[in-house]
Amino acid sequence: MTKGKTFIISGPSGVGKSTVLKALFQGRDDLYFSISATTREPREGEVDGVHYHFMDVAGFQSMINEDAFLEYAEYVGNFYGTPKRFVDEAMEQGKDVILDIEVQGALQVYTKRPDTVRIFIAPPSWDELERRLIGRGTDSPEKINKRLVRAKVEFQTANTYDYFVINDTVEQAVREINAIMLAEHCKPAERMKILSE
């Protein structure tokens, strides 16, 4: 069985990552979406092991000490991280693993595992990103402005990624991600192993 690969999807808030990923996963059982661990309390309707792996600070700290995370960060007083175990198990089962993480986390993962494939999702324009953020109706103008400033900072790192996908339409973005994933599995390093078995 061919081992799965890890793919990082990053991009600014409001670019439509969740919508693209939802469409990418439709009708596919060969993909695994990495679920983060967190020390924050579950919100209403959130299920442990589905939305997050909820844990206490002591448990999270011991996982840090054991180097059990691919990446982790503290955000607004809570810890968030990507446990290695679930990623490795899925890859051993031949599944490709999708990590939806921001640029700092992506750098941590890539430092530990340079064979990780990094895909940056960008909006078709800054105006469109602003329109999408306003359209969500969840943030104040000040918060939207902060998100746009952060997006410009994140955009500065886009050229360090392996691939750059523009989310103009969800269908096109999904087509491009699927093409990237297929191409990554056609590399000689992976295909030559089959002939030597």
N, C-alpha and C. Protein backbone atom coordinates (compact mmCIF):
# COMPACT_ATOMS: atom_id res chain seq x y z
N MET A 1 0.84 -1.20 0.00
CA MET A 1 0.00 0.00 0.00
C MET A 1 0.88 1.25 0.00
N THR A 2 0.50 2.21 -0.82
CA THR A 2 1.23 3.47 -0.87
C THR A 2 0.88 4.29 0.37
N LYS A 3 1.91 4.81 1.01
CA LYS A 3 1.70 5.64 2.21
C LYS A 3 1.11 6.98 1.78
N GLY A 4 0.26 7.54 2.62
CA GLY A 4 -0.32 8.85 2.34
C GLY A 4 0.69 9.96 2.52
N LYS A 5 0.33 11.13 2.06
CA LYS A 5 1.16 12.32 2.21
C LYS A 5 0.41 13.35 3.06
N THR A 6 1.17 14.30 3.60
CA THR A 6 0.55 15.38 4.38
C THR A 6 0.53 16.65 3.54
N PHE A 7 -0.63 17.27 3.46
CA PHE A 7 -0.82 18.52 2.72
C PHE A 7 -1.30 19.59 3.68
N ILE A 8 -0.61 20.72 3.67
CA ILE A 8 -1.02 21.87 4.48
C ILE A 8 -1.80 22.82 3.59
N ILE A 9 -2.94 23.27 4.09
CA ILE A 9 -3.72 24.30 3.41
C ILE A 9 -3.70 25.54 4.31
N SER A 10 -3.13 26.62 3.81
CA SER A 10 -3.12 27.89 4.55
C SER A 10 -3.73 28.98 3.68
N GLY A 11 -4.09 30.05 4.32
CA GLY A 11 -4.64 31.19 3.59
C GLY A 11 -5.32 32.12 4.57
N PRO A 12 -5.52 33.36 4.17
CA PRO A 12 -6.09 34.34 5.10
C PRO A 12 -7.54 34.03 5.48
N SER A 13 -7.93 34.54 6.62
CA SER A 13 -9.30 34.42 7.10
C SER A 13 -10.25 35.03 6.06
N GLY A 14 -11.29 34.29 5.71
CA GLY A 14 -12.27 34.80 4.75
C GLY A 14 -12.01 34.38 3.32
N VAL A 15 -10.91 33.65 3.09
CA VAL A 15 -10.56 33.25 1.72
C VAL A 15 -11.44 32.09 1.23
N GLY A 16 -12.09 31.40 2.17
CA GLY A 16 -12.99 30.31 1.79
C GLY A 16 -12.39 28.92 1.94
N LYS A 17 -11.41 28.78 2.83
CA LYS A 17 -10.75 27.48 3.03
C LYS A 17 -11.75 26.40 3.43
N SER A 18 -12.62 26.71 4.40
CA SER A 18 -13.58 25.70 4.89
C SER A 18 -14.50 25.22 3.77
N THR A 19 -14.97 26.15 2.95
CA THR A 19 -15.87 25.79 1.84
C THR A 19 -15.14 24.93 0.81
N VAL A 20 -13.90 25.30 0.50
CA VAL A 20 -13.11 24.52 -0.46
C VAL A 20 -12.84 23.12 0.09
N LEU A 21 -12.46 23.03 1.37
CA LEU A 21 -12.14 21.74 1.96
C LEU A 21 -13.37 20.84 2.05
N LYS A 22 -14.52 21.43 2.36
CA LYS A 22 -15.76 20.65 2.41
C LYS A 22 -16.03 20.02 1.04
N ALA A 23 -15.85 20.81 -0.02
CA ALA A 23 -16.06 20.30 -1.39
C ALA A 23 -15.00 19.27 -1.76
N LEU A 24 -13.76 19.47 -1.30
CA LEU A 24 -12.66 18.54 -1.59
C LEU A 24 -12.94 17.16 -1.00
N PHE A 25 -13.53 17.13 0.19
CA PHE A 25 -13.76 15.87 0.90
C PHE A 25 -15.00 15.12 0.42
N GLN A 26 -15.87 15.78 -0.34
CA GLN A 26 -17.12 15.14 -0.75
C GLN A 26 -16.86 13.88 -1.56
N GLY A 27 -17.45 12.78 -1.10
CA GLY A 27 -17.37 11.51 -1.81
C GLY A 27 -15.99 10.87 -1.80
N ARG A 28 -15.11 11.30 -0.90
CA ARG A 28 -13.77 10.72 -0.85
C ARG A 28 -13.50 10.11 0.52
N ASP A 29 -13.03 8.87 0.51
CA ASP A 29 -12.67 8.24 1.78
C ASP A 29 -11.16 8.01 1.86
N ASP A 30 -10.42 8.59 0.88
CA ASP A 30 -8.96 8.44 0.88
C ASP A 30 -8.27 9.66 1.49
N LEU A 31 -9.06 10.54 2.11
CA LEU A 31 -8.52 11.74 2.74
C LEU A 31 -8.84 11.72 4.23
N TYR A 32 -7.94 12.30 5.03
CA TYR A 32 -8.16 12.44 6.46
C TYR A 32 -7.96 13.90 6.83
N PHE A 33 -8.95 14.49 7.47
CA PHE A 33 -8.84 15.87 7.93
C PHE A 33 -8.28 15.86 9.35
N SER A 34 -7.12 16.48 9.53
CA SER A 34 -6.47 16.50 10.84
C SER A 34 -7.26 17.37 11.82
N ILE A 35 -7.61 16.78 12.94
CA ILE A 35 -8.38 17.49 13.98
C ILE A 35 -7.40 17.96 15.06
N SER A 36 -7.46 19.24 15.37
CA SER A 36 -6.54 19.82 16.35
C SER A 36 -6.94 19.44 17.77
N ALA A 37 -5.94 19.44 18.65
CA ALA A 37 -6.18 19.34 20.09
C ALA A 37 -6.24 20.75 20.64
N THR A 38 -7.04 20.94 21.67
CA THR A 38 -7.13 22.27 22.29
C THR A 38 -7.43 22.15 23.78
N THR A 39 -7.00 23.18 24.52
CA THR A 39 -7.30 23.24 25.96
C THR A 39 -8.52 24.10 26.23
N ARG A 40 -9.11 24.69 25.19
CA ARG A 40 -10.28 25.53 25.45
C ARG A 40 -11.50 24.64 25.70
N GLU A 41 -12.49 25.22 26.37
CA GLU A 41 -13.72 24.48 26.67
C GLU A 41 -14.53 24.26 25.39
N PRO A 42 -15.21 23.12 25.27
CA PRO A 42 -16.05 22.90 24.09
C PRO A 42 -17.19 23.91 24.05
N ARG A 43 -17.50 24.40 22.85
CA ARG A 43 -18.66 25.27 22.67
C ARG A 43 -19.88 24.37 22.49
N GLU A 44 -21.06 24.97 22.63
CA GLU A 44 -22.30 24.20 22.49
C GLU A 44 -22.34 23.51 21.12
N GLY A 45 -22.59 22.21 21.15
CA GLY A 45 -22.71 21.44 19.91
C GLY A 45 -21.41 20.83 19.43
N GLU A 46 -20.28 21.24 20.03
CA GLU A 46 -18.99 20.67 19.62
C GLU A 46 -18.80 19.30 20.25
N VAL A 47 -18.25 18.38 19.47
CA VAL A 47 -18.07 16.99 19.91
C VAL A 47 -16.58 16.67 19.96
N ASP A 48 -16.15 16.07 21.07
CA ASP A 48 -14.76 15.67 21.23
C ASP A 48 -14.40 14.64 20.16
N GLY A 49 -13.28 14.85 19.49
CA GLY A 49 -12.84 13.93 18.45
C GLY A 49 -13.44 14.22 17.08
N VAL A 50 -14.39 15.16 17.03
CA VAL A 50 -15.00 15.55 15.75
C VAL A 50 -14.57 16.97 15.40
N HIS A 51 -14.82 17.89 16.33
CA HIS A 51 -14.45 19.29 16.10
C HIS A 51 -13.04 19.58 16.60
N TYR A 52 -12.73 19.05 17.77
CA TYR A 52 -11.40 19.16 18.39
C TYR A 52 -11.20 17.93 19.27
N HIS A 53 -9.93 17.70 19.63
CA HIS A 53 -9.62 16.77 20.73
C HIS A 53 -9.48 17.68 21.94
N PHE A 54 -10.48 17.68 22.82
CA PHE A 54 -10.46 18.56 23.98
C PHE A 54 -9.63 17.92 25.10
N MET A 55 -8.74 18.71 25.69
CA MET A 55 -7.91 18.18 26.76
C MET A 55 -7.55 19.27 27.76
N ASP A 56 -7.05 18.84 28.93
CA ASP A 56 -6.67 19.83 29.94
C ASP A 56 -5.23 20.30 29.67
N VAL A 57 -4.86 21.38 30.36
CA VAL A 57 -3.55 22.00 30.15
C VAL A 57 -2.42 21.03 30.51
N ALA A 58 -2.58 20.28 31.60
CA ALA A 58 -1.53 19.34 32.03
C ALA A 58 -1.29 18.28 30.96
N GLY A 59 -2.37 17.75 30.39
CA GLY A 59 -2.26 16.74 29.32
C GLY A 59 -1.59 17.31 28.09
N PHE A 60 -1.95 18.54 27.74
CA PHE A 60 -1.37 19.21 26.58
C PHE A 60 0.12 19.44 26.82
N GLN A 61 0.46 19.90 28.03
CA GLN A 61 1.85 20.18 28.39
C GLN A 61 2.70 18.91 28.31
N SER A 62 2.14 17.79 28.77
CA SER A 62 2.92 16.55 28.72
C SER A 62 3.13 16.10 27.27
N MET A 63 2.15 16.38 26.38
CA MET A 63 2.33 16.06 24.96
C MET A 63 3.41 16.94 24.34
N ILE A 64 3.50 18.21 24.78
CA ILE A 64 4.58 19.10 24.31
C ILE A 64 5.92 18.51 24.73
N ASN A 65 6.01 18.09 26.00
CA ASN A 65 7.26 17.53 26.53
C ASN A 65 7.67 16.25 25.80
N GLU A 66 6.68 15.49 25.33
CA GLU A 66 6.95 14.23 24.61
C GLU A 66 7.15 14.46 23.11
N ASP A 67 7.14 15.70 22.66
CA ASP A 67 7.25 16.04 21.24
C ASP A 67 6.17 15.32 20.43
N ALA A 68 4.95 15.34 20.97
CA ALA A 68 3.84 14.61 20.34
C ALA A 68 3.01 15.47 19.39
N PHE A 69 3.42 16.73 19.20
CA PHE A 69 2.71 17.62 18.27
C PHE A 69 3.56 17.91 17.04
N LEU A 70 2.91 18.01 15.88
CA LEU A 70 3.59 18.49 14.69
C LEU A 70 3.77 20.00 14.79
N GLU A 71 2.80 20.65 15.42
CA GLU A 71 2.87 22.09 15.68
C GLU A 71 1.91 22.41 16.79
N TYR A 72 2.18 23.49 17.51
CA TYR A 72 1.24 23.96 18.52
C TYR A 72 1.47 25.45 18.75
N ALA A 73 0.45 26.09 19.30
CA ALA A 73 0.54 27.52 19.59
C ALA A 73 -0.43 27.86 20.71
N GLU A 74 -0.15 28.98 21.35
CA GLU A 74 -1.09 29.50 22.35
C GLU A 74 -1.83 30.65 21.70
N TYR A 75 -3.15 30.65 21.85
CA TYR A 75 -3.97 31.70 21.25
C TYR A 75 -5.05 32.10 22.24
N VAL A 76 -5.06 33.34 22.62
CA VAL A 76 -6.04 33.91 23.57
C VAL A 76 -6.16 33.02 24.82
N GLY A 77 -5.00 32.65 25.39
CA GLY A 77 -4.99 31.92 26.65
C GLY A 77 -5.25 30.43 26.54
N ASN A 78 -5.47 29.91 25.35
CA ASN A 78 -5.66 28.47 25.16
C ASN A 78 -4.61 27.92 24.20
N PHE A 79 -4.31 26.63 24.38
CA PHE A 79 -3.36 25.97 23.49
C PHE A 79 -4.12 25.23 22.37
N TYR A 80 -3.51 25.23 21.20
CA TYR A 80 -4.02 24.47 20.05
C TYR A 80 -2.83 23.73 19.43
N GLY A 81 -3.05 22.52 18.98
CA GLY A 81 -1.94 21.79 18.37
C GLY A 81 -2.41 20.65 17.48
N THR A 82 -1.49 20.16 16.64
CA THR A 82 -1.77 19.04 15.73
C THR A 82 -1.05 17.80 16.26
N PRO A 83 -1.80 16.84 16.84
CA PRO A 83 -1.15 15.62 17.35
C PRO A 83 -0.57 14.79 16.20
N LYS A 84 0.69 14.33 16.38
CA LYS A 84 1.35 13.51 15.36
C LYS A 84 0.63 12.17 15.15
N ARG A 85 0.17 11.58 16.26
CA ARG A 85 -0.33 10.20 16.23
C ARG A 85 -1.40 9.98 15.18
N PHE A 86 -2.42 10.85 15.14
CA PHE A 86 -3.55 10.66 14.22
C PHE A 86 -3.11 10.86 12.76
N VAL A 87 -2.19 11.81 12.56
CA VAL A 87 -1.67 12.07 11.21
C VAL A 87 -0.92 10.84 10.72
N ASP A 88 -0.04 10.31 11.57
CA ASP A 88 0.78 9.15 11.19
C ASP A 88 -0.08 7.91 10.94
N GLU A 89 -1.09 7.71 11.78
CA GLU A 89 -1.98 6.54 11.60
C GLU A 89 -2.70 6.61 10.26
N ALA A 90 -3.22 7.79 9.93
CA ALA A 90 -3.95 7.96 8.66
C ALA A 90 -3.02 7.73 7.47
N MET A 91 -1.79 8.26 7.54
CA MET A 91 -0.84 8.08 6.44
C MET A 91 -0.46 6.61 6.27
N GLU A 92 -0.32 5.89 7.38
CA GLU A 92 0.00 4.45 7.31
C GLU A 92 -1.13 3.67 6.64
N GLN A 93 -2.36 4.17 6.76
CA GLN A 93 -3.53 3.54 6.12
C GLN A 93 -3.65 3.94 4.66
N GLY A 94 -2.67 4.73 4.16
CA GLY A 94 -2.67 5.14 2.76
C GLY A 94 -3.50 6.38 2.47
N LYS A 95 -3.93 7.05 3.53
CA LYS A 95 -4.75 8.26 3.34
C LYS A 95 -3.87 9.50 3.27
N ASP A 96 -4.27 10.45 2.43
CA ASP A 96 -3.63 11.76 2.43
C ASP A 96 -4.24 12.58 3.56
N VAL A 97 -3.38 13.28 4.29
CA VAL A 97 -3.82 14.06 5.44
C VAL A 97 -3.84 15.54 5.07
N ILE A 98 -4.94 16.20 5.41
CA ILE A 98 -5.09 17.63 5.16
C ILE A 98 -5.01 18.37 6.50
N LEU A 99 -4.06 19.31 6.58
CA LEU A 99 -3.95 20.18 7.76
C LEU A 99 -4.38 21.58 7.36
N ASP A 100 -5.41 22.09 7.99
CA ASP A 100 -5.87 23.47 7.76
C ASP A 100 -5.25 24.32 8.87
N ILE A 101 -4.07 24.88 8.60
CA ILE A 101 -3.38 25.64 9.65
C ILE A 101 -2.80 26.93 9.10
N GLU A 102 -2.57 27.89 10.02
CA GLU A 102 -2.07 29.19 9.60
C GLU A 102 -0.56 29.12 9.36
N VAL A 103 0.00 30.21 8.87
CA VAL A 103 1.36 30.20 8.35
C VAL A 103 2.43 29.85 9.39
N GLN A 104 2.27 30.30 10.64
CA GLN A 104 3.28 29.97 11.66
C GLN A 104 3.28 28.46 11.95
N GLY A 105 2.08 27.90 12.06
CA GLY A 105 1.96 26.46 12.29
C GLY A 105 2.51 25.66 11.12
N ALA A 106 2.26 26.17 9.91
CA ALA A 106 2.75 25.50 8.70
C ALA A 106 4.27 25.44 8.70
N LEU A 107 4.90 26.52 9.15
CA LEU A 107 6.36 26.56 9.22
C LEU A 107 6.90 25.55 10.23
N GLN A 108 6.21 25.43 11.37
CA GLN A 108 6.61 24.44 12.38
C GLN A 108 6.55 23.03 11.81
N VAL A 109 5.45 22.72 11.11
CA VAL A 109 5.28 21.37 10.54
C VAL A 109 6.35 21.12 9.50
N TYR A 110 6.57 22.09 8.63
CA TYR A 110 7.54 21.92 7.54
C TYR A 110 8.96 21.75 8.08
N THR A 111 9.27 22.42 9.18
CA THR A 111 10.59 22.28 9.82
C THR A 111 10.79 20.85 10.31
N LYS A 112 9.73 20.27 10.89
CA LYS A 112 9.83 18.89 11.40
C LYS A 112 9.74 17.86 10.28
N ARG A 113 8.92 18.17 9.27
CA ARG A 113 8.69 17.22 8.19
C ARG A 113 8.76 17.94 6.84
N PRO A 114 9.95 18.05 6.28
CA PRO A 114 10.13 18.80 5.02
C PRO A 114 9.44 18.17 3.81
N ASP A 115 8.96 16.94 3.94
CA ASP A 115 8.24 16.31 2.81
C ASP A 115 6.77 16.72 2.78
N THR A 116 6.35 17.55 3.74
CA THR A 116 4.97 18.05 3.75
C THR A 116 4.77 19.00 2.56
N VAL A 117 3.63 18.87 1.90
CA VAL A 117 3.32 19.70 0.73
C VAL A 117 2.47 20.89 1.20
N ARG A 118 2.93 22.10 0.87
CA ARG A 118 2.25 23.31 1.36
C ARG A 118 1.51 24.01 0.22
N ILE A 119 0.22 24.25 0.45
CA ILE A 119 -0.63 24.91 -0.54
C ILE A 119 -1.20 26.19 0.09
N PHE A 120 -0.96 27.31 -0.56
CA PHE A 120 -1.49 28.58 -0.07
C PHE A 120 -2.71 28.94 -0.91
N ILE A 121 -3.83 29.22 -0.23
CA ILE A 121 -5.05 29.63 -0.94
C ILE A 121 -5.21 31.14 -0.79
N ALA A 122 -5.36 31.81 -1.94
CA ALA A 122 -5.46 33.27 -1.96
C ALA A 122 -6.79 33.70 -2.57
N PRO A 123 -7.24 34.89 -2.24
CA PRO A 123 -8.46 35.42 -2.87
C PRO A 123 -8.12 35.94 -4.27
N PRO A 124 -9.11 36.08 -5.15
CA PRO A 124 -8.83 36.64 -6.47
C PRO A 124 -8.38 38.10 -6.41
N SER A 125 -8.76 38.81 -5.34
CA SER A 125 -8.32 40.21 -5.17
C SER A 125 -8.55 40.60 -3.71
N TRP A 126 -7.91 41.70 -3.29
CA TRP A 126 -8.12 42.19 -1.92
C TRP A 126 -9.56 42.67 -1.73
N ASP A 127 -10.12 43.29 -2.77
CA ASP A 127 -11.51 43.76 -2.68
C ASP A 127 -12.45 42.59 -2.43
N GLU A 128 -12.19 41.47 -3.12
CA GLU A 128 -13.04 40.29 -2.96
C GLU A 128 -12.91 39.71 -1.56
N LEU A 129 -11.69 39.72 -1.02
CA LEU A 129 -11.49 39.21 0.35
C LEU A 129 -12.28 40.07 1.34
N GLU A 130 -12.20 41.39 1.17
CA GLU A 130 -12.94 42.31 2.05
C GLU A 130 -14.44 42.06 1.92
N ARG A 131 -14.90 41.86 0.67
CA ARG A 131 -16.33 41.61 0.43
C ARG A 131 -16.77 40.32 1.13
N ARG A 132 -15.94 39.29 1.06
CA ARG A 132 -16.29 38.01 1.72
C ARG A 132 -16.32 38.14 3.23
N LEU A 133 -15.35 38.88 3.78
CA LEU A 133 -15.32 39.08 5.24
C LEU A 133 -16.55 39.86 5.72
N ILE A 134 -16.92 40.89 4.98
CA ILE A 134 -18.11 41.68 5.33
C ILE A 134 -19.36 40.81 5.17
N GLY A 135 -19.37 40.01 4.10
CA GLY A 135 -20.52 39.14 3.79
C GLY A 135 -20.81 38.09 4.84
N ARG A 136 -19.78 37.69 5.60
CA ARG A 136 -19.99 36.69 6.66
C ARG A 136 -20.89 37.25 7.75
N GLY A 137 -20.82 38.57 7.93
CA GLY A 137 -21.69 39.22 8.92
C GLY A 137 -21.37 38.86 10.35
N THR A 138 -20.15 38.40 10.62
CA THR A 138 -19.80 37.97 11.99
C THR A 138 -18.85 38.93 12.69
N ASP A 139 -18.23 39.84 11.94
CA ASP A 139 -17.20 40.69 12.53
C ASP A 139 -17.53 42.17 12.42
N SER A 140 -17.02 42.92 13.40
CA SER A 140 -17.15 44.39 13.37
C SER A 140 -16.19 44.94 12.31
N PRO A 141 -16.42 46.18 11.84
CA PRO A 141 -15.49 46.79 10.87
C PRO A 141 -14.04 46.79 11.37
N GLU A 142 -13.85 47.00 12.69
CA GLU A 142 -12.49 47.01 13.25
C GLU A 142 -11.84 45.63 13.11
N LYS A 143 -12.65 44.60 13.41
CA LYS A 143 -12.12 43.22 13.34
C LYS A 143 -11.82 42.85 11.88
N ILE A 144 -12.67 43.28 10.98
CA ILE A 144 -12.44 43.02 9.54
C ILE A 144 -11.14 43.68 9.10
N ASN A 145 -10.93 44.90 9.56
CA ASN A 145 -9.70 45.62 9.23
C ASN A 145 -8.47 44.88 9.75
N LYS A 146 -8.57 44.35 10.99
CA LYS A 146 -7.46 43.58 11.58
C LYS A 146 -7.19 42.33 10.76
N ARG A 147 -8.26 41.67 10.31
CA ARG A 147 -8.12 40.45 9.50
C ARG A 147 -7.44 40.77 8.17
N LEU A 148 -7.77 41.91 7.57
CA LEU A 148 -7.17 42.31 6.29
C LEU A 148 -5.68 42.64 6.47
N VAL A 149 -5.34 43.29 7.58
CA VAL A 149 -3.93 43.61 7.87
C VAL A 149 -3.15 42.30 8.05
N ARG A 150 -3.73 41.37 8.80
CA ARG A 150 -3.09 40.07 9.02
C ARG A 150 -2.96 39.30 7.70
N ALA A 151 -3.98 39.39 6.85
CA ALA A 151 -3.95 38.71 5.54
C ALA A 151 -2.77 39.19 4.71
N LYS A 152 -2.50 40.49 4.77
CA LYS A 152 -1.36 41.04 3.98
C LYS A 152 -0.04 40.50 4.51
N VAL A 153 0.06 40.32 5.84
CA VAL A 153 1.27 39.76 6.45
C VAL A 153 1.42 38.30 6.01
N GLU A 154 0.31 37.54 6.10
CA GLU A 154 0.35 36.12 5.69
C GLU A 154 0.72 35.99 4.22
N PHE A 155 0.21 36.90 3.42
CA PHE A 155 0.46 36.88 1.97
C PHE A 155 1.96 36.99 1.66
N GLN A 156 2.69 37.68 2.55
CA GLN A 156 4.14 37.82 2.36
C GLN A 156 4.86 36.48 2.40
N THR A 157 4.24 35.46 3.04
CA THR A 157 4.89 34.15 3.15
C THR A 157 4.47 33.20 2.01
N ALA A 158 3.53 33.62 1.18
CA ALA A 158 2.97 32.74 0.16
C ALA A 158 4.03 32.18 -0.79
N ASN A 159 5.07 32.96 -1.05
CA ASN A 159 6.09 32.49 -1.99
C ASN A 159 6.98 31.40 -1.40
N THR A 160 6.84 31.10 -0.10
CA THR A 160 7.60 30.00 0.51
C THR A 160 6.84 28.68 0.39
N TYR A 161 5.60 28.74 -0.07
CA TYR A 161 4.77 27.53 -0.21
C TYR A 161 5.11 26.82 -1.52
N ASP A 162 4.70 25.56 -1.62
CA ASP A 162 4.97 24.77 -2.83
C ASP A 162 4.00 25.11 -3.96
N TYR A 163 2.77 25.46 -3.58
CA TYR A 163 1.73 25.75 -4.58
C TYR A 163 0.91 26.94 -4.14
N PHE A 164 0.30 27.60 -5.13
CA PHE A 164 -0.49 28.81 -4.89
C PHE A 164 -1.81 28.64 -5.66
N VAL A 165 -2.90 28.55 -4.93
CA VAL A 165 -4.23 28.35 -5.53
C VAL A 165 -5.06 29.60 -5.29
N ILE A 166 -5.66 30.13 -6.36
CA ILE A 166 -6.54 31.29 -6.22
C ILE A 166 -7.99 30.79 -6.15
N ASN A 167 -8.65 31.11 -5.05
CA ASN A 167 -10.03 30.66 -4.86
C ASN A 167 -10.99 31.66 -5.50
N ASP A 168 -11.08 31.59 -6.82
CA ASP A 168 -12.03 32.42 -7.55
C ASP A 168 -13.39 31.72 -7.49
N THR A 169 -13.41 30.45 -7.91
CA THR A 169 -14.60 29.61 -7.70
C THR A 169 -14.15 28.38 -6.94
N VAL A 170 -15.05 27.85 -6.10
CA VAL A 170 -14.74 26.68 -5.28
C VAL A 170 -14.37 25.49 -6.19
N GLU A 171 -15.13 25.31 -7.27
CA GLU A 171 -14.90 24.17 -8.17
C GLU A 171 -13.49 24.21 -8.76
N GLN A 172 -13.06 25.39 -9.20
CA GLN A 172 -11.72 25.52 -9.78
C GLN A 172 -10.64 25.28 -8.73
N ALA A 173 -10.84 25.82 -7.53
CA ALA A 173 -9.86 25.63 -6.45
C ALA A 173 -9.73 24.15 -6.11
N VAL A 174 -10.86 23.44 -6.03
CA VAL A 174 -10.84 22.00 -5.72
C VAL A 174 -10.14 21.24 -6.84
N ARG A 175 -10.42 21.60 -8.10
CA ARG A 175 -9.76 20.95 -9.24
C ARG A 175 -8.24 21.10 -9.14
N GLU A 176 -7.81 22.31 -8.80
CA GLU A 176 -6.37 22.56 -8.70
C GLU A 176 -5.74 21.78 -7.54
N ILE A 177 -6.40 21.74 -6.39
CA ILE A 177 -5.87 20.99 -5.24
C ILE A 177 -5.79 19.50 -5.58
N ASN A 178 -6.83 18.97 -6.23
CA ASN A 178 -6.81 17.56 -6.63
C ASN A 178 -5.66 17.29 -7.59
N ALA A 179 -5.42 18.21 -8.52
CA ALA A 179 -4.32 18.06 -9.49
C ALA A 179 -2.97 18.07 -8.77
N ILE A 180 -2.83 18.95 -7.77
CA ILE A 180 -1.59 19.02 -6.98
C ILE A 180 -1.36 17.70 -6.25
N MET A 181 -2.41 17.19 -5.63
CA MET A 181 -2.30 15.95 -4.86
C MET A 181 -1.93 14.77 -5.78
N LEU A 182 -2.55 14.72 -6.94
CA LEU A 182 -2.24 13.66 -7.90
C LEU A 182 -0.78 13.77 -8.36
N ALA A 183 -0.36 14.97 -8.71
CA ALA A 183 1.02 15.19 -9.17
C ALA A 183 2.04 14.78 -8.11
N GLU A 184 1.74 15.09 -6.85
CA GLU A 184 2.66 14.73 -5.76
C GLU A 184 2.83 13.22 -5.64
N HIS A 185 1.78 12.47 -5.97
CA HIS A 185 1.86 11.00 -5.91
C HIS A 185 2.51 10.40 -7.15
N CYS A 186 2.80 11.22 -8.16
CA CYS A 186 3.43 10.73 -9.39
C CYS A 186 4.93 11.01 -9.42
N LYS A 187 5.48 11.48 -8.31
CA LYS A 187 6.91 11.80 -8.29
C LYS A 187 7.73 10.51 -8.26
N PRO A 188 8.90 10.51 -8.92
CA PRO A 188 9.72 9.30 -8.99
C PRO A 188 10.03 8.68 -7.62
N ALA A 189 10.32 9.53 -6.63
CA ALA A 189 10.67 9.01 -5.30
C ALA A 189 9.60 8.06 -4.77
N GLU A 190 8.34 8.34 -5.10
CA GLU A 190 7.25 7.48 -4.64
C GLU A 190 6.99 6.31 -5.58
N ARG A 191 6.98 6.59 -6.87
CA ARG A 191 6.64 5.56 -7.85
C ARG A 191 7.73 4.49 -7.98
N MET A 192 9.00 4.88 -7.85
CA MET A 192 10.11 3.92 -8.02
C MET A 192 10.08 2.84 -6.93
N LYS A 193 9.53 3.19 -5.75
CA LYS A 193 9.45 2.21 -4.65
C LYS A 193 8.64 0.99 -5.06
N ILE A 194 7.59 1.23 -5.85
CA ILE A 194 6.69 0.15 -6.28
C ILE A 194 7.49 -0.90 -7.05
N LEU A 195 8.39 -0.45 -7.91
CA LEU A 195 9.17 -1.36 -8.76
C LEU A 195 10.22 -2.13 -7.97
N SER A 196 10.63 -1.60 -6.82
CA SER A 196 11.68 -2.27 -6.06
C SER A 196 11.13 -3.22 -4.99
N GLU A 197 9.80 -3.29 -4.90
CA GLU A 197 9.19 -4.16 -3.85
C GLU A 197 9.22 -5.61 -4.29
